[in-house]
Each structure stands twice: as C-alpha cells, then as structure tokens.
N, C-alpha and C. Protein backbone atom coordinates (compact mmCIF):
# COMPACT_ATOMS: atom_id res chain seq x y z
N MET A 1 -10.27 27.38 15.28
CA MET A 1 -11.23 28.42 15.00
C MET A 1 -12.11 27.98 13.84
N ALA A 2 -13.39 27.91 14.04
CA ALA A 2 -14.33 27.49 13.00
C ALA A 2 -14.68 28.67 12.11
N THR A 3 -14.94 28.35 10.86
CA THR A 3 -15.38 29.38 9.91
C THR A 3 -16.77 29.03 9.43
N ASP A 4 -17.44 30.01 8.86
CA ASP A 4 -18.77 29.77 8.33
C ASP A 4 -18.72 28.94 7.06
N ASN A 5 -17.57 28.90 6.40
CA ASN A 5 -17.43 28.19 5.13
C ASN A 5 -16.71 26.87 5.37
N ASN A 6 -17.44 25.83 5.68
CA ASN A 6 -16.87 24.50 5.91
C ASN A 6 -16.90 23.65 4.66
N ARG A 7 -16.73 24.28 3.53
CA ARG A 7 -16.76 23.60 2.25
C ARG A 7 -15.45 22.88 2.00
N THR A 8 -15.51 21.73 1.38
CA THR A 8 -14.29 21.02 0.98
C THR A 8 -14.35 20.74 -0.51
N SER A 9 -13.19 20.55 -1.08
CA SER A 9 -13.06 20.19 -2.48
C SER A 9 -12.12 19.01 -2.56
N LYS A 10 -12.40 18.09 -3.47
CA LYS A 10 -11.58 16.89 -3.58
C LYS A 10 -10.97 16.81 -4.97
N ILE A 11 -9.68 16.51 -5.01
CA ILE A 11 -8.97 16.27 -6.27
C ILE A 11 -8.48 14.84 -6.23
N ASP A 12 -8.77 14.09 -7.28
CA ASP A 12 -8.41 12.68 -7.35
C ASP A 12 -7.49 12.47 -8.55
N ILE A 13 -6.33 11.86 -8.33
CA ILE A 13 -5.37 11.58 -9.39
C ILE A 13 -5.17 10.07 -9.45
N GLN A 14 -5.34 9.49 -10.62
CA GLN A 14 -5.13 8.07 -10.83
C GLN A 14 -3.93 7.89 -11.75
N VAL A 15 -2.95 7.09 -11.33
CA VAL A 15 -1.77 6.82 -12.14
C VAL A 15 -1.76 5.34 -12.47
N HIS A 16 -1.87 5.03 -13.76
CA HIS A 16 -1.87 3.65 -14.24
C HIS A 16 -0.44 3.31 -14.66
N LEU A 17 0.14 2.28 -14.04
CA LEU A 17 1.55 1.94 -14.23
C LEU A 17 1.72 0.68 -15.06
N ASP A 18 2.88 0.60 -15.77
CA ASP A 18 3.21 -0.63 -16.47
C ASP A 18 3.95 -1.57 -15.51
N GLU A 19 4.50 -2.65 -16.02
CA GLU A 19 5.18 -3.65 -15.18
C GLU A 19 6.42 -3.09 -14.48
N GLN A 20 7.04 -2.05 -15.08
CA GLN A 20 8.23 -1.42 -14.49
C GLN A 20 7.87 -0.18 -13.66
N ASN A 21 6.60 -0.02 -13.34
CA ASN A 21 6.10 1.12 -12.56
C ASN A 21 6.29 2.47 -13.26
N VAL A 22 6.27 2.46 -14.58
CA VAL A 22 6.33 3.69 -15.37
C VAL A 22 4.90 4.09 -15.71
N PRO A 23 4.54 5.35 -15.50
CA PRO A 23 3.16 5.76 -15.80
C PRO A 23 2.81 5.58 -17.29
N GLU A 24 1.72 4.87 -17.53
CA GLU A 24 1.21 4.70 -18.89
C GLU A 24 0.05 5.66 -19.16
N LYS A 25 -0.70 5.94 -18.10
CA LYS A 25 -1.87 6.79 -18.23
C LYS A 25 -2.08 7.51 -16.90
N ILE A 26 -2.42 8.79 -16.97
CA ILE A 26 -2.73 9.58 -15.78
C ILE A 26 -4.08 10.24 -16.00
N THR A 27 -4.98 10.07 -15.06
CA THR A 27 -6.28 10.73 -15.13
C THR A 27 -6.51 11.50 -13.84
N TRP A 28 -7.35 12.52 -13.93
CA TRP A 28 -7.67 13.30 -12.74
C TRP A 28 -9.11 13.76 -12.81
N SER A 29 -9.64 14.04 -11.65
CA SER A 29 -10.98 14.63 -11.53
C SER A 29 -10.97 15.51 -10.29
N ALA A 30 -11.90 16.44 -10.27
CA ALA A 30 -12.02 17.34 -9.12
C ALA A 30 -13.48 17.65 -8.89
N SER A 31 -13.84 17.73 -7.63
CA SER A 31 -15.24 17.98 -7.30
C SER A 31 -15.69 19.36 -7.78
N ASP A 32 -14.78 20.32 -7.91
CA ASP A 32 -15.14 21.66 -8.38
C ASP A 32 -14.82 21.90 -9.85
N ALA A 33 -14.42 20.86 -10.57
CA ALA A 33 -14.04 21.02 -11.98
C ALA A 33 -15.27 21.41 -12.81
N PRO A 34 -15.04 22.17 -13.88
CA PRO A 34 -16.16 22.57 -14.75
C PRO A 34 -16.57 21.48 -15.74
N PHE A 35 -16.21 20.24 -15.46
CA PHE A 35 -16.56 19.11 -16.31
C PHE A 35 -16.91 17.92 -15.42
N ASP A 36 -17.59 16.95 -15.98
CA ASP A 36 -17.94 15.74 -15.25
C ASP A 36 -16.95 14.64 -15.60
N GLY A 37 -16.69 13.77 -14.65
CA GLY A 37 -15.86 12.60 -14.91
C GLY A 37 -14.38 12.91 -14.82
N GLU A 38 -13.61 12.00 -15.42
CA GLU A 38 -12.15 12.10 -15.38
C GLU A 38 -11.62 12.74 -16.65
N LYS A 39 -10.48 13.38 -16.53
CA LYS A 39 -9.79 13.96 -17.66
C LYS A 39 -8.40 13.34 -17.72
N GLU A 40 -7.96 12.98 -18.92
CA GLU A 40 -6.64 12.38 -19.07
C GLU A 40 -5.59 13.48 -19.27
N THR A 41 -4.39 13.24 -18.73
CA THR A 41 -3.28 14.15 -18.90
C THR A 41 -2.01 13.35 -19.11
N LYS A 42 -1.00 13.99 -19.69
CA LYS A 42 0.28 13.31 -19.91
C LYS A 42 1.30 13.60 -18.82
N SER A 43 1.06 14.64 -18.02
CA SER A 43 2.03 15.00 -16.99
C SER A 43 1.35 15.75 -15.85
N ILE A 44 1.89 15.57 -14.65
CA ILE A 44 1.43 16.33 -13.49
C ILE A 44 2.63 16.80 -12.67
N MET A 45 2.45 17.93 -12.02
CA MET A 45 3.39 18.43 -11.03
C MET A 45 2.54 18.86 -9.84
N VAL A 46 2.85 18.33 -8.68
CA VAL A 46 2.13 18.71 -7.48
C VAL A 46 3.18 19.05 -6.42
N GLY A 47 3.02 20.20 -5.81
CA GLY A 47 3.96 20.61 -4.77
C GLY A 47 3.25 20.80 -3.45
N PHE A 48 3.92 20.41 -2.39
CA PHE A 48 3.40 20.57 -1.04
C PHE A 48 4.46 21.26 -0.20
N TRP A 49 4.04 22.10 0.75
CA TRP A 49 4.96 22.73 1.66
C TRP A 49 4.86 22.05 3.01
N ASP A 50 5.96 21.46 3.47
CA ASP A 50 6.03 20.84 4.79
C ASP A 50 6.56 21.89 5.76
N ALA A 51 5.66 22.52 6.51
CA ALA A 51 6.05 23.61 7.41
C ALA A 51 6.95 23.12 8.55
N GLU A 52 6.73 21.91 9.01
CA GLU A 52 7.57 21.39 10.09
C GLU A 52 9.02 21.24 9.66
N GLU A 53 9.24 20.79 8.44
CA GLU A 53 10.59 20.57 7.93
C GLU A 53 11.11 21.76 7.11
N SER A 54 10.26 22.76 6.88
CA SER A 54 10.60 23.88 6.00
C SER A 54 11.17 23.37 4.68
N ASN A 55 10.37 22.50 4.04
CA ASN A 55 10.85 21.81 2.86
C ASN A 55 9.70 21.62 1.86
N ALA A 56 10.03 21.76 0.59
CA ALA A 56 9.04 21.50 -0.46
C ALA A 56 9.07 20.02 -0.82
N LEU A 57 7.90 19.45 -0.93
CA LEU A 57 7.75 18.06 -1.36
C LEU A 57 7.06 18.09 -2.72
N ARG A 58 7.51 17.25 -3.64
CA ARG A 58 6.98 17.30 -5.00
C ARG A 58 6.64 15.92 -5.52
N ILE A 59 5.65 15.89 -6.38
CA ILE A 59 5.33 14.72 -7.17
C ILE A 59 5.34 15.18 -8.62
N ASP A 60 6.27 14.68 -9.40
CA ASP A 60 6.38 14.99 -10.82
C ASP A 60 6.29 13.68 -11.59
N LEU A 61 5.25 13.54 -12.39
CA LEU A 61 5.06 12.32 -13.17
C LEU A 61 4.70 12.67 -14.60
N TRP A 62 5.10 11.82 -15.53
CA TRP A 62 4.70 11.98 -16.92
C TRP A 62 4.61 10.59 -17.54
N THR A 63 3.78 10.49 -18.56
CA THR A 63 3.56 9.21 -19.22
C THR A 63 4.61 8.98 -20.30
N LYS A 64 4.67 7.75 -20.78
CA LYS A 64 5.56 7.38 -21.87
C LYS A 64 5.25 8.18 -23.14
N GLU A 65 4.00 8.63 -23.25
CA GLU A 65 3.54 9.33 -24.45
C GLU A 65 3.93 10.80 -24.47
N MET A 66 4.43 11.35 -23.37
CA MET A 66 4.78 12.76 -23.29
C MET A 66 6.02 13.02 -24.14
N ARG A 67 5.85 13.86 -25.17
CA ARG A 67 6.97 14.19 -26.05
C ARG A 67 7.83 15.29 -25.41
N VAL A 68 9.07 15.40 -25.85
CA VAL A 68 9.99 16.40 -25.30
C VAL A 68 9.47 17.81 -25.58
N ASP A 69 8.95 18.06 -26.79
CA ASP A 69 8.43 19.41 -27.09
C ASP A 69 7.24 19.75 -26.20
N GLU A 70 6.43 18.75 -25.85
CA GLU A 70 5.31 18.99 -24.93
C GLU A 70 5.84 19.28 -23.52
N MET A 71 6.89 18.57 -23.10
CA MET A 71 7.48 18.80 -21.78
C MET A 71 8.09 20.19 -21.73
N ASP A 72 8.76 20.61 -22.81
CA ASP A 72 9.33 21.95 -22.87
C ASP A 72 8.23 23.01 -22.68
N ARG A 73 7.13 22.87 -23.39
CA ARG A 73 6.03 23.83 -23.30
C ARG A 73 5.39 23.78 -21.91
N PHE A 74 5.24 22.58 -21.36
CA PHE A 74 4.67 22.41 -20.02
C PHE A 74 5.51 23.15 -18.97
N TYR A 75 6.83 22.98 -19.02
CA TYR A 75 7.69 23.67 -18.07
C TYR A 75 7.68 25.18 -18.29
N TYR A 76 7.71 25.62 -19.53
CA TYR A 76 7.65 27.06 -19.83
C TYR A 76 6.39 27.67 -19.23
N GLN A 77 5.25 27.06 -19.49
CA GLN A 77 3.99 27.59 -18.96
C GLN A 77 3.94 27.49 -17.44
N THR A 78 4.53 26.45 -16.87
CA THR A 78 4.58 26.31 -15.42
C THR A 78 5.41 27.42 -14.79
N PHE A 79 6.56 27.74 -15.40
CA PHE A 79 7.38 28.85 -14.88
C PHE A 79 6.58 30.15 -14.87
N LEU A 80 5.84 30.41 -15.96
CA LEU A 80 5.05 31.64 -16.04
C LEU A 80 3.95 31.67 -14.98
N THR A 81 3.24 30.57 -14.81
CA THR A 81 2.16 30.55 -13.82
C THR A 81 2.71 30.60 -12.39
N MET A 82 3.91 30.04 -12.18
CA MET A 82 4.54 30.15 -10.85
C MET A 82 4.86 31.60 -10.55
N ALA A 83 5.32 32.34 -11.54
CA ALA A 83 5.63 33.76 -11.34
C ALA A 83 4.36 34.52 -10.97
N ASP A 84 3.26 34.25 -11.66
CA ASP A 84 1.99 34.91 -11.35
C ASP A 84 1.50 34.55 -9.95
N SER A 85 1.59 33.28 -9.59
CA SER A 85 1.16 32.84 -8.26
C SER A 85 2.03 33.47 -7.17
N TYR A 86 3.33 33.51 -7.43
CA TYR A 86 4.25 34.11 -6.47
C TYR A 86 3.93 35.58 -6.24
N LEU A 87 3.65 36.30 -7.32
CA LEU A 87 3.29 37.72 -7.19
C LEU A 87 2.02 37.89 -6.38
N ARG A 88 0.99 37.07 -6.66
CA ARG A 88 -0.26 37.16 -5.89
C ARG A 88 -0.04 36.84 -4.42
N ALA A 89 0.82 35.86 -4.14
CA ALA A 89 1.03 35.41 -2.76
C ALA A 89 1.90 36.37 -1.95
N THR A 90 2.87 37.02 -2.62
CA THR A 90 3.85 37.81 -1.87
C THR A 90 3.84 39.30 -2.19
N GLY A 91 3.32 39.66 -3.36
CA GLY A 91 3.39 41.04 -3.80
C GLY A 91 4.78 41.45 -4.27
N ASN A 92 5.69 40.50 -4.37
CA ASN A 92 7.07 40.76 -4.75
C ASN A 92 7.20 40.78 -6.28
N LYS A 93 7.01 41.97 -6.87
CA LYS A 93 7.05 42.12 -8.33
C LYS A 93 8.43 41.81 -8.89
N LYS A 94 9.49 42.22 -8.20
CA LYS A 94 10.85 41.97 -8.68
C LYS A 94 11.12 40.47 -8.77
N GLY A 95 10.74 39.74 -7.74
CA GLY A 95 10.92 38.29 -7.76
C GLY A 95 10.12 37.64 -8.88
N ALA A 96 8.89 38.09 -9.07
CA ALA A 96 8.04 37.55 -10.14
C ALA A 96 8.64 37.88 -11.50
N ASP A 97 9.14 39.09 -11.66
CA ASP A 97 9.78 39.47 -12.93
C ASP A 97 11.02 38.61 -13.19
N ASP A 98 11.79 38.32 -12.15
CA ASP A 98 12.95 37.44 -12.31
C ASP A 98 12.54 36.07 -12.81
N MET A 99 11.45 35.53 -12.25
CA MET A 99 10.95 34.23 -12.70
C MET A 99 10.50 34.28 -14.16
N LYS A 100 9.86 35.38 -14.54
CA LYS A 100 9.41 35.51 -15.93
C LYS A 100 10.59 35.61 -16.88
N GLN A 101 11.67 36.25 -16.45
CA GLN A 101 12.88 36.31 -17.28
C GLN A 101 13.47 34.91 -17.45
N LEU A 102 13.47 34.14 -16.37
CA LEU A 102 13.92 32.75 -16.46
C LEU A 102 13.04 31.97 -17.44
N ALA A 103 11.74 32.16 -17.34
CA ALA A 103 10.81 31.46 -18.25
C ALA A 103 11.10 31.85 -19.69
N TYR A 104 11.30 33.12 -19.93
CA TYR A 104 11.57 33.60 -21.29
C TYR A 104 12.86 32.98 -21.83
N ALA A 105 13.93 32.99 -21.02
CA ALA A 105 15.20 32.39 -21.44
C ALA A 105 15.04 30.91 -21.72
N PHE A 106 14.31 30.21 -20.84
CA PHE A 106 14.06 28.79 -21.05
C PHE A 106 13.26 28.57 -22.33
N GLY A 107 12.23 29.39 -22.54
CA GLY A 107 11.40 29.27 -23.74
C GLY A 107 12.21 29.45 -25.02
N LYS A 108 13.11 30.42 -25.02
CA LYS A 108 13.96 30.64 -26.19
C LYS A 108 14.91 29.47 -26.40
N ASN A 109 15.59 29.05 -25.33
CA ASN A 109 16.58 27.98 -25.43
C ASN A 109 15.99 26.63 -25.79
N SER A 110 14.74 26.40 -25.38
CA SER A 110 14.10 25.11 -25.66
C SER A 110 13.33 25.11 -26.97
N GLY A 111 13.20 26.29 -27.59
CA GLY A 111 12.48 26.37 -28.87
C GLY A 111 10.99 26.60 -28.72
N VAL A 112 10.51 26.78 -27.49
CA VAL A 112 9.09 27.06 -27.28
C VAL A 112 8.74 28.43 -27.85
N ILE A 113 9.63 29.39 -27.62
CA ILE A 113 9.46 30.73 -28.17
C ILE A 113 10.28 30.83 -29.45
N GLN A 114 9.61 31.08 -30.55
CA GLN A 114 10.28 31.21 -31.84
C GLN A 114 10.36 32.68 -32.20
N GLU A 115 11.55 33.14 -32.53
CA GLU A 115 11.69 34.55 -32.94
C GLU A 115 12.12 34.63 -34.39
C-alpha cells in the first residue's frame, strides 16, 4: 500500500576500532538531525525487533573513553526514556511506572541520584 509520504531518513553510524576491535571513536549523523556533519559519542544502544523470530536484536557499543559514572547515567536516562516510549506505544501506564521505579532504584544504587 503506497502512502503520500514517501520520505526517508538516513542514520549513519561510524565505529573506529583499534587493533583488538575495541571501539576508539564513534560518530553518527542523520539526515534529519538539527546539525550538519557528524557528532561524536562515547556510547550507542540500538535495538531492532525481528518479527519473524519474535526476538530483540541489539547493538551496544562504547569507547575506551566511556567512564563508569557516564555509563551509569546513560543507562539511568535510557531506562527513563524507555518507560516514556513504552507508555506512548502501548498506553500501559502501570508497565511504564514499573520501568520508572526500576530506573529510580538503579539511579540510587549507582549513585546517579544523590539524596
């Protein structure tokens, strides 16, 4: 079925590896990004849903420069945004609230949230 909106968007991820295939540098760009050129990042998480296998496929990479405190904050924020995305996709407020509770517990235990 054709739609009137045949627009496409492209996301490009470049992973620069050392001799042991460990990421040294990760850059990304997107055709719809609000900036020109590439942007450097220390970590990426990309998830895909394989409907045929009913399985999630993931790419999780981080550079040698990624500190543990940065990884803790990255995961904390990822848990929160996953809860928001899940709520938008399913309308399941209870499930989203459960994810936010997990994020909060993780944030406290990892030191991201200071009380």
